[in-house]
Amino acid sequence: MDLRKLKTLIDLVSESNVSELEITEAEGKVRIVKGAPANYQTLAPQVLPAAQPAAAPASRAAGVVRFLKNVGLFFAAPFVGLAYILAFPLVGLGMLAWMAIQAQKKKSEEAAKLQPAAPAKPSVLKTVAMVLGAPFIGLAYVIVGPIVGLGMLLWFGFQAWGKMGAKALAERSETK
């Protein structure tokens, strides 16, 4: 409770018919009594035992060590921060690589579960037929591919011409 509030309460009690006022707040408890003799509680001074002469240098040495430690930390702090900044990308890349390895392991384990048993090896005769037939199949694609492509091009061209109409085409040629 601040001093102004306390003074206001004392003035209120002295000017009113209230003989006693007691207020309890979070900071403490205040009791104001009108006309009562002041009852002060005094604290007796405490006498500290005399320090031993050997303890003084030890506490002084501990204070000096603590001071030197704080000075060392003050000068080392920027370098520690720099080490963290420089290590951050490396740690991040390491974690990324670790996560990729874990994901790849999980993916390969799931694929192994889903993959059916390996098929039997094809016979030698089938392998030889595929090796000999592959060039001819490729040649067929090379020959037939352009023909099919040209046919598709013509097909779409005639479709567009049919939609546009011969009349529109004739009008276009006349305007030129």
N, C-alpha and C. Protein backbone atom coordinates (compact mmCIF):
# COMPACT_ATOMS: atom_id res chain seq x y z
N MET A 1 0.86 -1.18 0.00
CA MET A 1 0.00 0.00 0.00
C MET A 1 0.90 1.23 0.00
N ASP A 2 0.61 2.18 -0.87
CA ASP A 2 1.49 3.34 -0.96
C ASP A 2 1.15 4.36 0.13
N LEU A 3 2.04 5.29 0.31
CA LEU A 3 1.97 6.25 1.40
C LEU A 3 0.78 7.22 1.25
N ARG A 4 0.46 7.63 0.04
CA ARG A 4 -0.67 8.55 -0.18
C ARG A 4 -1.99 7.90 0.21
N LYS A 5 -2.14 6.64 -0.15
CA LYS A 5 -3.36 5.92 0.20
C LYS A 5 -3.48 5.78 1.72
N LEU A 6 -2.37 5.49 2.37
CA LEU A 6 -2.35 5.34 3.83
C LEU A 6 -2.71 6.67 4.51
N LYS A 7 -2.14 7.77 4.01
CA LYS A 7 -2.43 9.09 4.59
C LYS A 7 -3.91 9.44 4.41
N THR A 8 -4.48 9.10 3.22
CA THR A 8 -5.90 9.36 2.98
C THR A 8 -6.77 8.57 3.96
N LEU A 9 -6.41 7.33 4.23
CA LEU A 9 -7.17 6.51 5.18
C LEU A 9 -7.09 7.08 6.60
N ILE A 10 -5.93 7.55 7.00
CA ILE A 10 -5.77 8.14 8.34
C ILE A 10 -6.63 9.38 8.47
N ASP A 11 -6.63 10.23 7.44
CA ASP A 11 -7.46 11.45 7.47
C ASP A 11 -8.94 11.09 7.54
N LEU A 12 -9.37 10.06 6.82
CA LEU A 12 -10.76 9.62 6.85
C LEU A 12 -11.17 9.18 8.25
N VAL A 13 -10.30 8.39 8.91
CA VAL A 13 -10.62 7.89 10.25
C VAL A 13 -10.66 9.04 11.25
N SER A 14 -9.73 9.98 11.14
CA SER A 14 -9.70 11.09 12.10
C SER A 14 -10.89 12.03 11.94
N GLU A 15 -11.41 12.19 10.73
CA GLU A 15 -12.51 13.11 10.50
C GLU A 15 -13.89 12.47 10.67
N SER A 16 -13.96 11.16 10.72
CA SER A 16 -15.26 10.49 10.79
C SER A 16 -15.52 9.95 12.20
N ASN A 17 -16.70 9.33 12.38
CA ASN A 17 -17.08 8.75 13.66
C ASN A 17 -16.53 7.32 13.81
N VAL A 18 -15.79 6.85 12.85
CA VAL A 18 -15.23 5.49 12.90
C VAL A 18 -14.07 5.50 13.88
N SER A 19 -14.08 4.53 14.82
CA SER A 19 -13.00 4.49 15.81
C SER A 19 -11.88 3.54 15.38
N GLU A 20 -12.17 2.61 14.48
CA GLU A 20 -11.16 1.65 14.09
C GLU A 20 -11.42 1.22 12.65
N LEU A 21 -10.33 1.07 11.86
CA LEU A 21 -10.43 0.67 10.46
C LEU A 21 -9.31 -0.34 10.17
N GLU A 22 -9.70 -1.46 9.60
CA GLU A 22 -8.71 -2.49 9.29
C GLU A 22 -8.90 -2.88 7.81
N ILE A 23 -7.82 -2.83 7.04
CA ILE A 23 -7.86 -3.15 5.60
C ILE A 23 -6.79 -4.20 5.31
N THR A 24 -7.22 -5.24 4.58
CA THR A 24 -6.28 -6.29 4.18
C THR A 24 -6.18 -6.29 2.67
N GLU A 25 -4.98 -6.20 2.16
CA GLU A 25 -4.73 -6.24 0.72
C GLU A 25 -3.66 -7.29 0.44
N ALA A 26 -3.34 -7.44 -0.82
CA ALA A 26 -2.34 -8.44 -1.21
C ALA A 26 -0.97 -8.12 -0.62
N GLU A 27 -0.68 -6.80 -0.48
CA GLU A 27 0.64 -6.43 0.05
C GLU A 27 0.73 -6.59 1.56
N GLY A 28 -0.38 -6.56 2.24
CA GLY A 28 -0.32 -6.67 3.69
C GLY A 28 -1.61 -6.20 4.34
N LYS A 29 -1.55 -6.00 5.65
CA LYS A 29 -2.72 -5.66 6.45
C LYS A 29 -2.43 -4.36 7.18
N VAL A 30 -3.42 -3.41 7.17
CA VAL A 30 -3.27 -2.11 7.84
C VAL A 30 -4.43 -1.95 8.82
N ARG A 31 -4.10 -1.52 10.05
CA ARG A 31 -5.12 -1.30 11.08
C ARG A 31 -4.91 0.10 11.64
N ILE A 32 -5.98 0.92 11.51
CA ILE A 32 -5.92 2.30 12.00
C ILE A 32 -6.94 2.43 13.13
N VAL A 33 -6.46 2.85 14.33
CA VAL A 33 -7.32 2.99 15.50
C VAL A 33 -7.28 4.45 15.92
N LYS A 34 -8.48 5.05 16.12
CA LYS A 34 -8.58 6.46 16.51
C LYS A 34 -8.43 6.58 18.03
N GLY A 35 -7.54 7.46 18.46
CA GLY A 35 -7.36 7.77 19.87
C GLY A 35 -6.59 6.72 20.64
N ALA A 36 -6.08 5.70 20.04
CA ALA A 36 -5.32 4.68 20.76
C ALA A 36 -3.87 5.09 20.80
N PRO A 37 -3.18 4.73 21.91
CA PRO A 37 -1.76 5.07 21.96
C PRO A 37 -1.01 4.26 20.91
N ALA A 38 0.00 4.89 20.39
CA ALA A 38 0.79 4.23 19.35
C ALA A 38 1.51 3.03 19.93
N ASN A 39 1.41 1.95 19.26
CA ASN A 39 2.05 0.70 19.70
C ASN A 39 3.03 0.29 18.61
N TYR A 40 4.24 0.68 18.79
CA TYR A 40 5.26 0.39 17.79
C TYR A 40 6.05 -0.83 18.20
N GLN A 41 6.37 -1.61 17.22
CA GLN A 41 7.23 -2.76 17.48
C GLN A 41 8.60 -2.42 16.92
N THR A 42 9.58 -2.49 17.77
CA THR A 42 10.92 -2.18 17.31
C THR A 42 11.71 -3.46 17.16
N LEU A 43 12.56 -3.43 16.22
CA LEU A 43 13.43 -4.58 16.00
C LEU A 43 14.72 -4.37 16.75
N ALA A 44 15.09 -5.39 17.48
CA ALA A 44 16.35 -5.30 18.22
C ALA A 44 17.49 -5.47 17.23
N PRO A 45 18.52 -4.67 17.40
CA PRO A 45 19.65 -4.82 16.47
C PRO A 45 20.31 -6.18 16.66
N GLN A 46 20.65 -6.76 15.57
CA GLN A 46 21.29 -8.07 15.65
C GLN A 46 22.79 -7.89 15.65
N VAL A 47 23.40 -8.68 16.47
CA VAL A 47 24.85 -8.63 16.54
C VAL A 47 25.39 -9.83 15.78
N LEU A 48 26.16 -9.56 14.77
CA LEU A 48 26.74 -10.62 13.97
C LEU A 48 28.02 -11.10 14.62
N PRO A 49 28.26 -12.39 14.58
CA PRO A 49 29.51 -12.87 15.16
C PRO A 49 30.69 -12.36 14.33
N ALA A 50 31.76 -12.13 14.98
CA ALA A 50 32.96 -11.63 14.31
C ALA A 50 33.48 -12.67 13.33
N ALA A 51 33.81 -12.19 12.15
CA ALA A 51 34.32 -13.11 11.12
C ALA A 51 35.73 -13.54 11.47
N GLN A 52 36.00 -14.77 11.18
CA GLN A 52 37.35 -15.27 11.46
C GLN A 52 38.29 -14.73 10.40
N PRO A 53 39.50 -14.48 10.74
CA PRO A 53 40.42 -13.88 9.77
C PRO A 53 40.69 -14.80 8.57
N ALA A 54 40.62 -16.11 8.72
CA ALA A 54 40.93 -17.02 7.61
C ALA A 54 39.78 -17.04 6.60
N ALA A 55 38.55 -16.78 7.04
CA ALA A 55 37.40 -16.84 6.15
C ALA A 55 37.39 -15.64 5.20
N ALA A 56 37.89 -14.52 5.57
CA ALA A 56 37.87 -13.32 4.74
C ALA A 56 38.67 -13.52 3.45
N PRO A 57 39.88 -14.02 3.48
CA PRO A 57 40.61 -14.22 2.22
C PRO A 57 39.95 -15.28 1.32
N ALA A 58 39.33 -16.30 1.93
CA ALA A 58 38.69 -17.34 1.12
C ALA A 58 37.47 -16.77 0.38
N SER A 59 36.67 -15.95 1.08
CA SER A 59 35.50 -15.37 0.43
C SER A 59 35.94 -14.34 -0.61
N ARG A 60 37.03 -13.67 -0.33
CA ARG A 60 37.54 -12.69 -1.30
C ARG A 60 38.06 -13.41 -2.54
N ALA A 61 38.71 -14.55 -2.35
CA ALA A 61 39.20 -15.33 -3.48
C ALA A 61 38.04 -15.87 -4.31
N ALA A 62 36.97 -16.29 -3.63
CA ALA A 62 35.79 -16.79 -4.35
C ALA A 62 35.16 -15.67 -5.16
N GLY A 63 35.12 -14.46 -4.60
CA GLY A 63 34.57 -13.31 -5.32
C GLY A 63 35.41 -12.97 -6.55
N VAL A 64 36.74 -13.05 -6.41
CA VAL A 64 37.62 -12.77 -7.53
C VAL A 64 37.45 -13.82 -8.62
N VAL A 65 37.33 -15.10 -8.22
CA VAL A 65 37.14 -16.17 -9.20
C VAL A 65 35.82 -15.98 -9.94
N ARG A 66 34.79 -15.63 -9.20
CA ARG A 66 33.48 -15.41 -9.81
C ARG A 66 33.54 -14.23 -10.79
N PHE A 67 34.24 -13.15 -10.40
CA PHE A 67 34.38 -11.99 -11.27
C PHE A 67 35.13 -12.36 -12.55
N LEU A 68 36.23 -13.11 -12.42
CA LEU A 68 37.01 -13.51 -13.60
C LEU A 68 36.20 -14.43 -14.51
N LYS A 69 35.39 -15.30 -13.91
CA LYS A 69 34.55 -16.18 -14.70
C LYS A 69 33.54 -15.36 -15.51
N ASN A 70 32.93 -14.36 -14.90
CA ASN A 70 31.98 -13.50 -15.60
C ASN A 70 32.65 -12.72 -16.73
N VAL A 71 33.87 -12.24 -16.48
CA VAL A 71 34.61 -11.51 -17.53
C VAL A 71 34.92 -12.45 -18.69
N GLY A 72 35.35 -13.66 -18.37
CA GLY A 72 35.64 -14.65 -19.43
C GLY A 72 34.41 -14.98 -20.25
N LEU A 73 33.28 -15.16 -19.58
CA LEU A 73 32.04 -15.44 -20.31
C LEU A 73 31.61 -14.24 -21.16
N PHE A 74 31.87 -13.02 -20.66
CA PHE A 74 31.52 -11.83 -21.42
C PHE A 74 32.29 -11.78 -22.73
N PHE A 75 33.57 -12.12 -22.69
CA PHE A 75 34.36 -12.08 -23.91
C PHE A 75 34.15 -13.32 -24.79
N ALA A 76 33.76 -14.44 -24.21
CA ALA A 76 33.57 -15.66 -24.99
C ALA A 76 32.20 -15.73 -25.66
N ALA A 77 31.21 -15.00 -25.16
CA ALA A 77 29.84 -15.08 -25.66
C ALA A 77 29.73 -14.82 -27.17
N PRO A 78 30.38 -13.79 -27.73
CA PRO A 78 30.26 -13.59 -29.18
C PRO A 78 30.80 -14.77 -29.98
N PHE A 79 31.88 -15.38 -29.51
CA PHE A 79 32.46 -16.50 -30.24
C PHE A 79 31.57 -17.73 -30.16
N VAL A 80 30.92 -17.92 -29.04
CA VAL A 80 29.97 -19.03 -28.92
C VAL A 80 28.79 -18.81 -29.87
N GLY A 81 28.29 -17.59 -29.92
CA GLY A 81 27.21 -17.27 -30.85
C GLY A 81 27.62 -17.47 -32.29
N LEU A 82 28.85 -17.08 -32.63
CA LEU A 82 29.36 -17.28 -33.98
C LEU A 82 29.45 -18.76 -34.31
N ALA A 83 29.88 -19.57 -33.36
CA ALA A 83 29.96 -21.01 -33.58
C ALA A 83 28.58 -21.59 -33.84
N TYR A 84 27.57 -21.13 -33.10
CA TYR A 84 26.21 -21.59 -33.34
C TYR A 84 25.72 -21.18 -34.73
N ILE A 85 26.01 -19.95 -35.13
CA ILE A 85 25.58 -19.48 -36.44
C ILE A 85 26.24 -20.28 -37.55
N LEU A 86 27.53 -20.57 -37.40
CA LEU A 86 28.23 -21.33 -38.43
C LEU A 86 27.81 -22.80 -38.45
N ALA A 87 27.45 -23.35 -37.31
CA ALA A 87 27.07 -24.75 -37.25
C ALA A 87 25.62 -24.98 -37.65
N PHE A 88 24.81 -23.95 -37.63
CA PHE A 88 23.38 -24.11 -37.92
C PHE A 88 23.10 -24.72 -39.29
N PRO A 89 23.72 -24.20 -40.38
CA PRO A 89 23.44 -24.82 -41.68
C PRO A 89 23.90 -26.27 -41.75
N LEU A 90 25.05 -26.56 -41.15
CA LEU A 90 25.55 -27.94 -41.19
C LEU A 90 24.63 -28.88 -40.43
N VAL A 91 24.17 -28.43 -39.30
CA VAL A 91 23.25 -29.26 -38.51
C VAL A 91 21.94 -29.43 -39.27
N GLY A 92 21.47 -28.36 -39.91
CA GLY A 92 20.25 -28.44 -40.69
C GLY A 92 20.38 -29.41 -41.86
N LEU A 93 21.50 -29.35 -42.56
CA LEU A 93 21.72 -30.28 -43.68
C LEU A 93 21.84 -31.71 -43.18
N GLY A 94 22.51 -31.88 -42.05
CA GLY A 94 22.63 -33.22 -41.47
C GLY A 94 21.28 -33.79 -41.10
N MET A 95 20.44 -32.96 -40.49
CA MET A 95 19.10 -33.43 -40.12
C MET A 95 18.27 -33.74 -41.37
N LEU A 96 18.41 -32.92 -42.41
CA LEU A 96 17.69 -33.15 -43.66
C LEU A 96 18.13 -34.47 -44.29
N ALA A 97 19.43 -34.73 -44.31
CA ALA A 97 19.94 -35.98 -44.86
C ALA A 97 19.46 -37.17 -44.03
N TRP A 98 19.47 -37.03 -42.71
CA TRP A 98 19.01 -38.11 -41.85
C TRP A 98 17.55 -38.42 -42.10
N MET A 99 16.72 -37.36 -42.23
CA MET A 99 15.30 -37.56 -42.49
C MET A 99 15.08 -38.22 -43.85
N ALA A 100 15.88 -37.85 -44.85
CA ALA A 100 15.75 -38.46 -46.18
C ALA A 100 16.11 -39.94 -46.13
N ILE A 101 17.14 -40.28 -45.37
CA ILE A 101 17.54 -41.68 -45.24
C ILE A 101 16.44 -42.48 -44.55
N GLN A 102 15.88 -41.90 -43.50
CA GLN A 102 14.80 -42.60 -42.78
C GLN A 102 13.59 -42.80 -43.69
N ALA A 103 13.25 -41.78 -44.47
CA ALA A 103 12.10 -41.90 -45.38
C ALA A 103 12.36 -42.95 -46.45
N GLN A 104 13.60 -42.99 -46.97
CA GLN A 104 13.95 -43.98 -47.99
C GLN A 104 13.88 -45.39 -47.42
N LYS A 105 14.34 -45.56 -46.19
CA LYS A 105 14.26 -46.89 -45.56
C LYS A 105 12.81 -47.32 -45.41
N LYS A 106 11.98 -46.40 -44.95
CA LYS A 106 10.56 -46.71 -44.76
C LYS A 106 9.89 -47.04 -46.09
N LYS A 107 10.23 -46.27 -47.12
CA LYS A 107 9.65 -46.49 -48.44
C LYS A 107 10.07 -47.85 -48.99
N SER A 108 11.32 -48.22 -48.84
CA SER A 108 11.79 -49.50 -49.37
C SER A 108 11.19 -50.67 -48.59
N GLU A 109 10.98 -50.48 -47.27
CA GLU A 109 10.35 -51.54 -46.48
C GLU A 109 8.90 -51.74 -46.92
N GLU A 110 8.17 -50.66 -47.16
CA GLU A 110 6.79 -50.77 -47.60
C GLU A 110 6.71 -51.36 -49.01
N ALA A 111 7.65 -50.99 -49.87
CA ALA A 111 7.65 -51.52 -51.23
C ALA A 111 7.95 -53.02 -51.21
N ALA A 112 8.81 -53.43 -50.30
CA ALA A 112 9.13 -54.86 -50.21
C ALA A 112 7.90 -55.65 -49.76
N LYS A 113 7.08 -55.04 -48.90
CA LYS A 113 5.87 -55.73 -48.44
C LYS A 113 4.84 -55.85 -49.57
N LEU A 114 4.74 -54.81 -50.40
CA LEU A 114 3.73 -54.79 -51.46
C LEU A 114 4.15 -55.53 -52.72
N GLN A 115 5.45 -55.68 -52.93
CA GLN A 115 5.94 -56.28 -54.17
C GLN A 115 5.70 -57.79 -54.16
N PRO A 116 5.14 -58.30 -55.25
CA PRO A 116 4.92 -59.75 -55.30
C PRO A 116 6.25 -60.49 -55.47
N ALA A 117 6.18 -61.78 -55.35
CA ALA A 117 7.40 -62.57 -55.49
C ALA A 117 7.97 -62.37 -56.88
N ALA A 118 9.29 -62.47 -57.00
CA ALA A 118 9.97 -62.24 -58.27
C ALA A 118 9.51 -63.27 -59.29
N PRO A 119 9.21 -62.82 -60.53
CA PRO A 119 8.78 -63.79 -61.55
C PRO A 119 9.94 -64.70 -61.97
N ALA A 120 9.57 -65.79 -62.52
CA ALA A 120 10.60 -66.74 -62.96
C ALA A 120 11.36 -66.14 -64.13
N LYS A 121 12.62 -66.55 -64.30
CA LYS A 121 13.44 -66.04 -65.40
C LYS A 121 12.86 -66.50 -66.73
N PRO A 122 12.87 -65.60 -67.74
CA PRO A 122 12.37 -66.04 -69.04
C PRO A 122 13.33 -67.07 -69.65
N SER A 123 12.77 -67.85 -70.51
CA SER A 123 13.61 -68.90 -71.12
C SER A 123 14.60 -68.27 -72.09
N VAL A 124 15.60 -69.02 -72.44
CA VAL A 124 16.64 -68.55 -73.35
C VAL A 124 16.04 -68.26 -74.72
N LEU A 125 15.12 -69.11 -75.16
CA LEU A 125 14.51 -68.93 -76.47
C LEU A 125 13.74 -67.61 -76.53
N LYS A 126 13.01 -67.28 -75.47
CA LYS A 126 12.24 -66.04 -75.43
C LYS A 126 13.18 -64.84 -75.43
N THR A 127 14.28 -64.91 -74.71
CA THR A 127 15.24 -63.82 -74.66
C THR A 127 15.85 -63.58 -76.03
N VAL A 128 16.23 -64.64 -76.73
CA VAL A 128 16.82 -64.51 -78.05
C VAL A 128 15.80 -63.91 -79.02
N ALA A 129 14.54 -64.31 -78.92
CA ALA A 129 13.50 -63.79 -79.82
C ALA A 129 13.29 -62.30 -79.57
N MET A 130 13.34 -61.88 -78.32
CA MET A 130 13.16 -60.47 -78.01
C MET A 130 14.34 -59.64 -78.51
N VAL A 131 15.54 -60.16 -78.38
CA VAL A 131 16.72 -59.44 -78.84
C VAL A 131 16.69 -59.29 -80.36
N LEU A 132 16.30 -60.34 -81.07
CA LEU A 132 16.25 -60.28 -82.52
C LEU A 132 15.06 -59.46 -83.01
N GLY A 133 13.96 -59.45 -82.30
CA GLY A 133 12.76 -58.76 -82.74
C GLY A 133 12.76 -57.27 -82.42
N ALA A 134 13.53 -56.84 -81.45
CA ALA A 134 13.53 -55.44 -81.01
C ALA A 134 13.87 -54.47 -82.14
N PRO A 135 14.91 -54.72 -82.96
CA PRO A 135 15.19 -53.76 -84.04
C PRO A 135 14.05 -53.64 -85.04
N PHE A 136 13.38 -54.73 -85.33
CA PHE A 136 12.28 -54.69 -86.29
C PHE A 136 11.08 -53.92 -85.72
N ILE A 137 10.85 -54.07 -84.44
CA ILE A 137 9.76 -53.33 -83.81
C ILE A 137 10.08 -51.83 -83.83
N GLY A 138 11.32 -51.48 -83.54
CA GLY A 138 11.74 -50.08 -83.61
C GLY A 138 11.61 -49.51 -85.00
N LEU A 139 12.00 -50.33 -86.04
CA LEU A 139 11.89 -49.90 -87.43
C LEU A 139 10.42 -49.66 -87.80
N ALA A 140 9.54 -50.51 -87.29
CA ALA A 140 8.12 -50.34 -87.57
C ALA A 140 7.61 -49.02 -86.98
N TYR A 141 8.05 -48.69 -85.79
CA TYR A 141 7.64 -47.42 -85.20
C TYR A 141 8.19 -46.25 -86.00
N VAL A 142 9.41 -46.34 -86.48
CA VAL A 142 10.01 -45.26 -87.24
C VAL A 142 9.26 -45.03 -88.55
N ILE A 143 8.83 -46.12 -89.18
CA ILE A 143 8.13 -45.99 -90.46
C ILE A 143 6.68 -45.58 -90.24
N VAL A 144 5.99 -46.22 -89.32
CA VAL A 144 4.57 -45.99 -89.13
C VAL A 144 4.32 -44.68 -88.38
N GLY A 145 5.19 -44.28 -87.51
CA GLY A 145 4.99 -43.07 -86.70
C GLY A 145 4.72 -41.83 -87.52
N PRO A 146 5.60 -41.49 -88.48
CA PRO A 146 5.33 -40.28 -89.28
C PRO A 146 4.06 -40.39 -90.12
N ILE A 147 3.78 -41.58 -90.60
CA ILE A 147 2.57 -41.75 -91.41
C ILE A 147 1.33 -41.50 -90.53
N VAL A 148 1.31 -42.06 -89.35
CA VAL A 148 0.19 -41.85 -88.43
C VAL A 148 0.11 -40.38 -88.05
N GLY A 149 1.25 -39.75 -87.81
CA GLY A 149 1.27 -38.33 -87.46
C GLY A 149 0.72 -37.46 -88.57
N LEU A 150 1.12 -37.75 -89.82
CA LEU A 150 0.62 -37.00 -90.96
C LEU A 150 -0.88 -37.22 -91.13
N GLY A 151 -1.32 -38.45 -90.93
CA GLY A 151 -2.74 -38.74 -91.03
C GLY A 151 -3.54 -37.97 -89.99
N MET A 152 -3.03 -37.90 -88.79
CA MET A 152 -3.73 -37.15 -87.73
C MET A 152 -3.77 -35.67 -88.07
N LEU A 153 -2.67 -35.15 -88.61
CA LEU A 153 -2.62 -33.74 -88.99
C LEU A 153 -3.66 -33.44 -90.07
N LEU A 154 -3.76 -34.31 -91.07
CA LEU A 154 -4.75 -34.13 -92.12
C LEU A 154 -6.17 -34.23 -91.56
N TRP A 155 -6.37 -35.18 -90.68
CA TRP A 155 -7.70 -35.38 -90.09
C TRP A 155 -8.17 -34.11 -89.38
N PHE A 156 -7.32 -33.57 -88.53
CA PHE A 156 -7.70 -32.37 -87.79
C PHE A 156 -7.86 -31.17 -88.73
N GLY A 157 -7.05 -31.10 -89.77
CA GLY A 157 -7.17 -30.01 -90.74
C GLY A 157 -8.51 -30.05 -91.45
N PHE A 158 -8.91 -31.24 -91.89
CA PHE A 158 -10.21 -31.36 -92.57
C PHE A 158 -11.36 -31.08 -91.60
N GLN A 159 -11.22 -31.47 -90.36
CA GLN A 159 -12.26 -31.18 -89.37
C GLN A 159 -12.43 -29.66 -89.21
N ALA A 160 -11.32 -28.95 -89.13
CA ALA A 160 -11.38 -27.50 -88.99
C ALA A 160 -11.95 -26.86 -90.24
N TRP A 161 -11.59 -27.38 -91.39
CA TRP A 161 -12.09 -26.83 -92.64
C TRP A 161 -13.59 -27.03 -92.76
N GLY A 162 -14.05 -28.20 -92.29
CA GLY A 162 -15.48 -28.47 -92.32
C GLY A 162 -16.25 -27.54 -91.41
N LYS A 163 -15.71 -27.21 -90.27
CA LYS A 163 -16.38 -26.31 -89.33
C LYS A 163 -16.39 -24.88 -89.86
N MET A 164 -15.31 -24.51 -90.48
CA MET A 164 -15.23 -23.15 -90.97
C MET A 164 -16.05 -22.99 -92.24
N GLY A 165 -16.08 -24.02 -93.00
CA GLY A 165 -16.91 -24.00 -94.21
C GLY A 165 -16.15 -23.47 -95.41
N ALA A 166 -16.51 -23.98 -96.54
CA ALA A 166 -15.85 -23.58 -97.78
C ALA A 166 -16.19 -22.14 -98.13
N LYS A 167 -17.39 -21.72 -97.72
CA LYS A 167 -17.82 -20.37 -98.03
C LYS A 167 -16.93 -19.34 -97.33
N ALA A 168 -16.65 -19.59 -96.06
CA ALA A 168 -15.81 -18.66 -95.31
C ALA A 168 -14.41 -18.63 -95.89
N LEU A 169 -13.94 -19.77 -96.35
CA LEU A 169 -12.62 -19.83 -96.94
C LEU A 169 -12.60 -19.05 -98.25
N ALA A 170 -13.69 -19.16 -99.00
CA ALA A 170 -13.77 -18.42 -100.26
C ALA A 170 -13.83 -16.92 -100.01
N GLU A 171 -14.56 -16.50 -98.99
CA GLU A 171 -14.64 -15.07 -98.66
C GLU A 171 -13.28 -14.53 -98.24
N ARG A 172 -12.57 -15.33 -97.56
CA ARG A 172 -11.24 -14.92 -97.10
C ARG A 172 -10.31 -14.71 -98.28
N SER A 173 -10.38 -15.61 -99.25
CA SER A 173 -9.47 -15.49 -100.39
C SER A 173 -9.84 -14.31 -101.28
N GLU A 174 -11.12 -13.93 -101.30
CA GLU A 174 -11.54 -12.79 -102.11
C GLU A 174 -11.08 -11.46 -101.51
N THR A 175 -11.02 -11.37 -100.20
CA THR A 175 -10.64 -10.11 -99.56
C THR A 175 -9.16 -9.83 -99.72
N LYS A 176 -8.42 -10.85 -99.96
CA LYS A 176 -6.96 -10.64 -100.10
C LYS A 176 -6.65 -10.16 -101.44
